Amino acid sequence: MKKLILLFTLVLPVALGAQEKKNKNAKANFEVSGNCEMCKMRIEKAALAVKGVKMATWNIPSNVISLIYDQNKVPLKTVQTEIAKVGHDTPLVKAENMVYDKLPMCCLYERMPEQKN
């Protein structure tokens, strides 16, 4: 019985700690709608302003942003929300129409029509 208790006191904290550990340098890629260099600057600036994002590079031809971020400090949806706040749609968060409409003409990308439920 003592061996069983000792085993649980040693193994349980190790098992729980392994489940909670998140990557401090997680990599993520996702699509962000945009067109030009002005979009690139706006998107990258919005992503880098989020505490925990260490690197953000948006590729114009592919419309894909590559991030390195700390999963302990920020969930990926928060980064997408901040990018959407400056007018650019992401897979999880669509920019508000009012914000999108204020983008410069060269930045007005083709938006997917909203689906009706």
N, C-alpha and C. Protein backbone atom coordinates (compact mmCIF):
# COMPACT_ATOMS: atom_id res chain seq x y z
N MET A 1 0.83 -1.19 0.00
CA MET A 1 0.00 0.00 0.00
C MET A 1 0.87 1.26 0.00
N LYS A 2 1.95 1.24 0.79
CA LYS A 2 2.85 2.40 0.83
C LYS A 2 3.46 2.65 -0.53
N LYS A 3 3.80 1.57 -1.24
CA LYS A 3 4.38 1.72 -2.57
C LYS A 3 3.40 2.37 -3.54
N LEU A 4 2.14 2.00 -3.42
CA LEU A 4 1.09 2.57 -4.29
C LEU A 4 0.91 4.06 -4.03
N ILE A 5 0.90 4.45 -2.77
CA ILE A 5 0.77 5.87 -2.42
C ILE A 5 1.99 6.64 -2.89
N LEU A 6 3.15 6.08 -2.69
CA LEU A 6 4.38 6.72 -3.14
C LEU A 6 4.38 6.89 -4.66
N LEU A 7 3.93 5.87 -5.35
CA LEU A 7 3.86 5.92 -6.80
C LEU A 7 2.94 7.05 -7.26
N PHE A 8 1.77 7.18 -6.65
CA PHE A 8 0.84 8.24 -7.02
C PHE A 8 1.39 9.63 -6.70
N THR A 9 2.07 9.79 -5.60
CA THR A 9 2.61 11.11 -5.25
C THR A 9 3.75 11.52 -6.17
N LEU A 10 4.43 10.57 -6.76
CA LEU A 10 5.51 10.90 -7.69
C LEU A 10 5.04 11.03 -9.13
N VAL A 11 4.13 10.19 -9.56
CA VAL A 11 3.72 10.15 -10.96
C VAL A 11 2.63 11.17 -11.27
N LEU A 12 1.70 11.38 -10.40
CA LEU A 12 0.58 12.27 -10.67
C LEU A 12 1.01 13.71 -10.96
N PRO A 13 1.87 14.34 -10.16
CA PRO A 13 2.30 15.71 -10.49
C PRO A 13 3.03 15.80 -11.83
N VAL A 14 3.81 14.79 -12.15
CA VAL A 14 4.54 14.79 -13.42
C VAL A 14 3.54 14.69 -14.58
N ALA A 15 2.55 13.83 -14.45
CA ALA A 15 1.55 13.65 -15.51
C ALA A 15 0.73 14.92 -15.70
N LEU A 16 0.33 15.56 -14.62
CA LEU A 16 -0.46 16.79 -14.72
C LEU A 16 0.36 17.93 -15.31
N GLY A 17 1.60 18.03 -14.93
CA GLY A 17 2.47 19.09 -15.44
C GLY A 17 2.72 18.94 -16.94
N ALA A 18 2.81 17.73 -17.43
CA ALA A 18 3.05 17.49 -18.85
C ALA A 18 1.85 17.91 -19.69
N GLN A 19 0.65 17.80 -19.16
CA GLN A 19 -0.55 18.16 -19.90
C GLN A 19 -0.71 19.67 -20.03
N GLU A 20 -0.27 20.43 -19.06
CA GLU A 20 -0.48 21.87 -19.03
C GLU A 20 0.60 22.66 -19.76
N LYS A 21 1.70 22.03 -20.06
CA LYS A 21 2.82 22.74 -20.67
C LYS A 21 2.47 23.16 -22.10
N LYS A 22 2.62 24.45 -22.38
CA LYS A 22 2.36 24.97 -23.71
C LYS A 22 3.65 25.50 -24.30
N ASN A 23 3.68 25.58 -25.60
CA ASN A 23 4.88 25.98 -26.32
C ASN A 23 5.07 27.49 -26.27
N LYS A 24 6.26 27.93 -25.85
CA LYS A 24 6.58 29.36 -25.81
C LYS A 24 6.94 29.90 -27.19
N ASN A 25 7.26 29.02 -28.11
CA ASN A 25 7.62 29.42 -29.48
C ASN A 25 6.79 28.62 -30.49
N ALA A 26 5.48 28.66 -30.31
CA ALA A 26 4.58 27.94 -31.21
C ALA A 26 4.56 28.62 -32.57
N LYS A 27 4.42 27.82 -33.60
CA LYS A 27 4.33 28.35 -34.96
C LYS A 27 2.91 28.13 -35.45
N ALA A 28 2.40 29.12 -36.19
CA ALA A 28 1.06 29.01 -36.77
C ALA A 28 1.03 29.73 -38.10
N ASN A 29 0.23 29.23 -38.98
CA ASN A 29 -0.01 29.85 -40.29
C ASN A 29 -1.51 29.85 -40.53
N PHE A 30 -2.03 30.96 -41.00
CA PHE A 30 -3.44 31.01 -41.40
C PHE A 30 -3.62 32.12 -42.42
N GLU A 31 -4.72 32.03 -43.14
CA GLU A 31 -4.99 32.99 -44.21
C GLU A 31 -5.53 34.29 -43.63
N VAL A 32 -5.07 35.40 -44.19
CA VAL A 32 -5.58 36.73 -43.87
C VAL A 32 -5.82 37.44 -45.19
N SER A 33 -7.05 37.91 -45.39
CA SER A 33 -7.39 38.56 -46.66
C SER A 33 -6.76 39.95 -46.75
N GLY A 34 -6.20 40.25 -47.92
CA GLY A 34 -5.57 41.54 -48.17
C GLY A 34 -5.00 41.55 -49.57
N ASN A 35 -4.41 42.68 -49.97
CA ASN A 35 -3.93 42.82 -51.35
C ASN A 35 -2.50 43.32 -51.52
N CYS A 36 -2.07 44.27 -50.70
CA CYS A 36 -0.89 45.04 -51.07
C CYS A 36 0.08 45.25 -49.90
N GLU A 37 1.11 46.06 -50.15
CA GLU A 37 2.11 46.38 -49.12
C GLU A 37 1.48 47.12 -47.93
N MET A 38 0.51 47.97 -48.20
CA MET A 38 -0.16 48.67 -47.10
C MET A 38 -0.90 47.66 -46.21
N CYS A 39 -1.53 46.68 -46.83
CA CYS A 39 -2.19 45.61 -46.08
C CYS A 39 -1.16 44.86 -45.23
N LYS A 40 -0.04 44.53 -45.85
CA LYS A 40 1.03 43.79 -45.18
C LYS A 40 1.47 44.53 -43.91
N MET A 41 1.72 45.82 -44.02
CA MET A 41 2.15 46.60 -42.86
C MET A 41 1.07 46.61 -41.77
N ARG A 42 -0.17 46.80 -42.18
CA ARG A 42 -1.29 46.88 -41.23
C ARG A 42 -1.51 45.54 -40.51
N ILE A 43 -1.48 44.45 -41.27
CA ILE A 43 -1.71 43.11 -40.71
C ILE A 43 -0.59 42.73 -39.75
N GLU A 44 0.65 42.91 -40.18
CA GLU A 44 1.79 42.55 -39.33
C GLU A 44 1.83 43.41 -38.07
N LYS A 45 1.54 44.70 -38.20
CA LYS A 45 1.53 45.59 -37.04
C LYS A 45 0.47 45.16 -36.03
N ALA A 46 -0.72 44.80 -36.52
CA ALA A 46 -1.79 44.36 -35.63
C ALA A 46 -1.41 43.07 -34.90
N ALA A 47 -0.80 42.15 -35.61
CA ALA A 47 -0.40 40.88 -34.99
C ALA A 47 0.71 41.10 -33.96
N LEU A 48 1.70 41.91 -34.32
CA LEU A 48 2.83 42.14 -33.41
C LEU A 48 2.44 42.95 -32.18
N ALA A 49 1.33 43.66 -32.25
CA ALA A 49 0.87 44.45 -31.10
C ALA A 49 0.28 43.56 -30.01
N VAL A 50 -0.01 42.32 -30.33
CA VAL A 50 -0.59 41.39 -29.36
C VAL A 50 0.53 40.85 -28.48
N LYS A 51 0.36 40.99 -27.17
CA LYS A 51 1.38 40.50 -26.23
C LYS A 51 1.50 38.98 -26.38
N GLY A 52 2.71 38.53 -26.62
CA GLY A 52 2.96 37.11 -26.80
C GLY A 52 3.32 36.74 -28.24
N VAL A 53 3.03 37.64 -29.18
CA VAL A 53 3.42 37.39 -30.57
C VAL A 53 4.85 37.87 -30.75
N LYS A 54 5.72 36.98 -31.18
CA LYS A 54 7.13 37.30 -31.30
C LYS A 54 7.54 37.63 -32.74
N MET A 55 6.84 37.03 -33.72
CA MET A 55 7.18 37.26 -35.11
C MET A 55 5.91 37.12 -35.93
N ALA A 56 5.73 38.02 -36.89
CA ALA A 56 4.57 37.95 -37.79
C ALA A 56 5.02 38.39 -39.18
N THR A 57 4.80 37.53 -40.16
CA THR A 57 5.14 37.84 -41.54
C THR A 57 3.98 37.42 -42.42
N TRP A 58 3.40 38.41 -43.12
CA TRP A 58 2.29 38.13 -44.03
C TRP A 58 2.80 38.12 -45.46
N ASN A 59 2.48 37.06 -46.20
CA ASN A 59 2.92 36.91 -47.58
C ASN A 59 1.81 37.37 -48.51
N ILE A 60 2.09 38.34 -49.36
CA ILE A 60 1.07 38.94 -50.23
C ILE A 60 0.48 37.95 -51.23
N PRO A 61 1.29 37.24 -52.03
CA PRO A 61 0.68 36.35 -53.03
C PRO A 61 -0.18 35.23 -52.43
N SER A 62 0.25 34.66 -51.32
CA SER A 62 -0.49 33.54 -50.73
C SER A 62 -1.54 33.98 -49.72
N ASN A 63 -1.45 35.24 -49.25
CA ASN A 63 -2.34 35.76 -48.20
C ASN A 63 -2.25 34.95 -46.91
N VAL A 64 -1.08 34.40 -46.62
CA VAL A 64 -0.88 33.60 -45.42
C VAL A 64 0.06 34.33 -44.48
N ILE A 65 -0.34 34.40 -43.20
CA ILE A 65 0.52 34.97 -42.18
C ILE A 65 1.20 33.84 -41.43
N SER A 66 2.47 34.00 -41.16
CA SER A 66 3.25 33.05 -40.36
C SER A 66 3.58 33.73 -39.04
N LEU A 67 3.26 33.04 -37.96
CA LEU A 67 3.48 33.59 -36.62
C LEU A 67 4.37 32.70 -35.79
N ILE A 68 5.09 33.32 -34.88
CA ILE A 68 5.71 32.63 -33.76
C ILE A 68 5.16 33.35 -32.53
N TYR A 69 4.54 32.59 -31.64
CA TYR A 69 3.89 33.21 -30.49
C TYR A 69 3.97 32.30 -29.28
N ASP A 70 3.74 32.86 -28.12
CA ASP A 70 3.77 32.14 -26.85
C ASP A 70 2.35 31.71 -26.50
N GLN A 71 2.10 30.41 -26.54
CA GLN A 71 0.77 29.88 -26.23
C GLN A 71 0.36 30.13 -24.78
N ASN A 72 1.33 30.37 -23.91
CA ASN A 72 1.01 30.66 -22.51
C ASN A 72 0.43 32.06 -22.35
N LYS A 73 0.74 32.95 -23.29
CA LYS A 73 0.31 34.35 -23.17
C LYS A 73 -0.90 34.70 -24.01
N VAL A 74 -1.08 34.02 -25.15
CA VAL A 74 -2.15 34.43 -26.07
C VAL A 74 -2.69 33.25 -26.87
N PRO A 75 -4.02 33.13 -26.94
CA PRO A 75 -4.58 32.13 -27.86
C PRO A 75 -4.59 32.67 -29.28
N LEU A 76 -4.55 31.79 -30.24
CA LEU A 76 -4.50 32.18 -31.65
C LEU A 76 -5.72 33.00 -32.06
N LYS A 77 -6.87 32.71 -31.49
CA LYS A 77 -8.08 33.47 -31.84
C LYS A 77 -7.94 34.95 -31.48
N THR A 78 -7.23 35.26 -30.42
CA THR A 78 -7.01 36.66 -30.03
C THR A 78 -6.21 37.39 -31.10
N VAL A 79 -5.21 36.73 -31.65
CA VAL A 79 -4.41 37.34 -32.72
C VAL A 79 -5.31 37.61 -33.93
N GLN A 80 -6.15 36.64 -34.28
CA GLN A 80 -7.05 36.81 -35.41
C GLN A 80 -8.06 37.93 -35.16
N THR A 81 -8.52 38.07 -33.94
CA THR A 81 -9.46 39.13 -33.59
C THR A 81 -8.81 40.50 -33.78
N GLU A 82 -7.57 40.65 -33.36
CA GLU A 82 -6.87 41.93 -33.50
C GLU A 82 -6.62 42.27 -34.97
N ILE A 83 -6.33 41.27 -35.78
CA ILE A 83 -6.15 41.51 -37.21
C ILE A 83 -7.48 41.93 -37.84
N ALA A 84 -8.55 41.30 -37.45
CA ALA A 84 -9.88 41.65 -37.98
C ALA A 84 -10.27 43.07 -37.57
N LYS A 85 -9.82 43.52 -36.42
CA LYS A 85 -10.15 44.88 -35.96
C LYS A 85 -9.58 45.96 -36.86
N VAL A 86 -8.53 45.63 -37.62
CA VAL A 86 -7.95 46.62 -38.54
C VAL A 86 -8.46 46.44 -39.97
N GLY A 87 -9.45 45.54 -40.16
CA GLY A 87 -10.13 45.44 -41.44
C GLY A 87 -9.84 44.22 -42.29
N HIS A 88 -9.17 43.22 -41.76
CA HIS A 88 -8.79 42.06 -42.57
C HIS A 88 -9.41 40.78 -42.03
N ASP A 89 -10.11 40.05 -42.91
CA ASP A 89 -10.77 38.81 -42.53
C ASP A 89 -9.76 37.70 -42.27
N THR A 90 -10.06 36.87 -41.27
CA THR A 90 -9.26 35.69 -40.94
C THR A 90 -10.21 34.49 -40.91
N PRO A 91 -9.69 33.28 -40.81
CA PRO A 91 -10.58 32.11 -40.78
C PRO A 91 -11.57 32.12 -39.61
N LEU A 92 -11.17 32.65 -38.47
CA LEU A 92 -12.04 32.61 -37.29
C LEU A 92 -12.81 33.89 -37.04
N VAL A 93 -12.32 35.02 -37.55
CA VAL A 93 -12.94 36.32 -37.25
C VAL A 93 -13.04 37.15 -38.53
N LYS A 94 -14.24 37.61 -38.83
CA LYS A 94 -14.45 38.47 -40.00
C LYS A 94 -14.43 39.92 -39.53
N ALA A 95 -13.77 40.77 -40.31
CA ALA A 95 -13.71 42.20 -39.98
C ALA A 95 -15.11 42.81 -40.10
N GLU A 96 -15.37 43.79 -39.26
CA GLU A 96 -16.66 44.49 -39.34
C GLU A 96 -16.72 45.26 -40.66
N ASN A 97 -17.90 45.32 -41.25
CA ASN A 97 -18.08 46.01 -42.53
C ASN A 97 -17.65 47.47 -42.45
N MET A 98 -17.97 48.13 -41.35
CA MET A 98 -17.64 49.54 -41.18
C MET A 98 -16.11 49.76 -41.23
N VAL A 99 -15.36 48.85 -40.63
CA VAL A 99 -13.90 48.96 -40.62
C VAL A 99 -13.35 48.63 -42.01
N TYR A 100 -13.87 47.57 -42.62
CA TYR A 100 -13.45 47.19 -43.97
C TYR A 100 -13.68 48.33 -44.96
N ASP A 101 -14.83 48.97 -44.87
CA ASP A 101 -15.18 50.04 -45.80
C ASP A 101 -14.25 51.25 -45.70
N LYS A 102 -13.56 51.41 -44.58
CA LYS A 102 -12.64 52.54 -44.40
C LYS A 102 -11.23 52.26 -44.90
N LEU A 103 -10.97 51.04 -45.37
CA LEU A 103 -9.64 50.72 -45.91
C LEU A 103 -9.42 51.51 -47.20
N PRO A 104 -8.15 51.82 -47.54
CA PRO A 104 -7.87 52.47 -48.82
C PRO A 104 -8.35 51.59 -49.98
N MET A 105 -8.62 52.21 -51.11
CA MET A 105 -9.16 51.48 -52.27
C MET A 105 -8.30 50.28 -52.67
N CYS A 106 -6.99 50.43 -52.62
CA CYS A 106 -6.12 49.33 -53.03
C CYS A 106 -6.18 48.15 -52.07
N CYS A 107 -6.69 48.38 -50.87
CA CYS A 107 -6.73 47.34 -49.85
C CYS A 107 -8.07 46.60 -49.80
N LEU A 108 -9.03 47.05 -50.59
CA LEU A 108 -10.36 46.42 -50.57
C LEU A 108 -10.31 45.09 -51.33
N TYR A 109 -10.13 44.02 -50.58
CA TYR A 109 -10.04 42.67 -51.13
C TYR A 109 -11.46 42.13 -51.37
N GLU A 110 -11.55 41.07 -52.15
CA GLU A 110 -12.85 40.45 -52.41
C GLU A 110 -13.26 39.63 -51.20
N ARG A 111 -14.41 39.95 -50.65
CA ARG A 111 -14.90 39.26 -49.45
C ARG A 111 -15.83 38.13 -49.83
N MET A 112 -15.80 37.10 -49.03
CA MET A 112 -16.72 35.98 -49.22
C MET A 112 -18.10 36.42 -48.75
N PRO A 113 -19.15 36.06 -49.48
CA PRO A 113 -20.49 36.45 -49.02
C PRO A 113 -20.83 35.73 -47.71
N GLU A 114 -21.58 36.45 -46.87
CA GLU A 114 -21.97 35.85 -45.59
C GLU A 114 -23.01 34.77 -45.82
N GLN A 115 -22.86 33.67 -45.08
CA GLN A 115 -23.81 32.58 -45.19
C GLN A 115 -24.98 32.84 -44.25
N LYS A 116 -26.16 32.56 -44.75
CA LYS A 116 -27.37 32.72 -43.92
C LYS A 116 -27.74 31.38 -43.34
N ASN A 117 -28.09 31.40 -42.06
CA ASN A 117 -28.44 30.13 -41.38
C ASN A 117 -29.86 29.76 -41.64
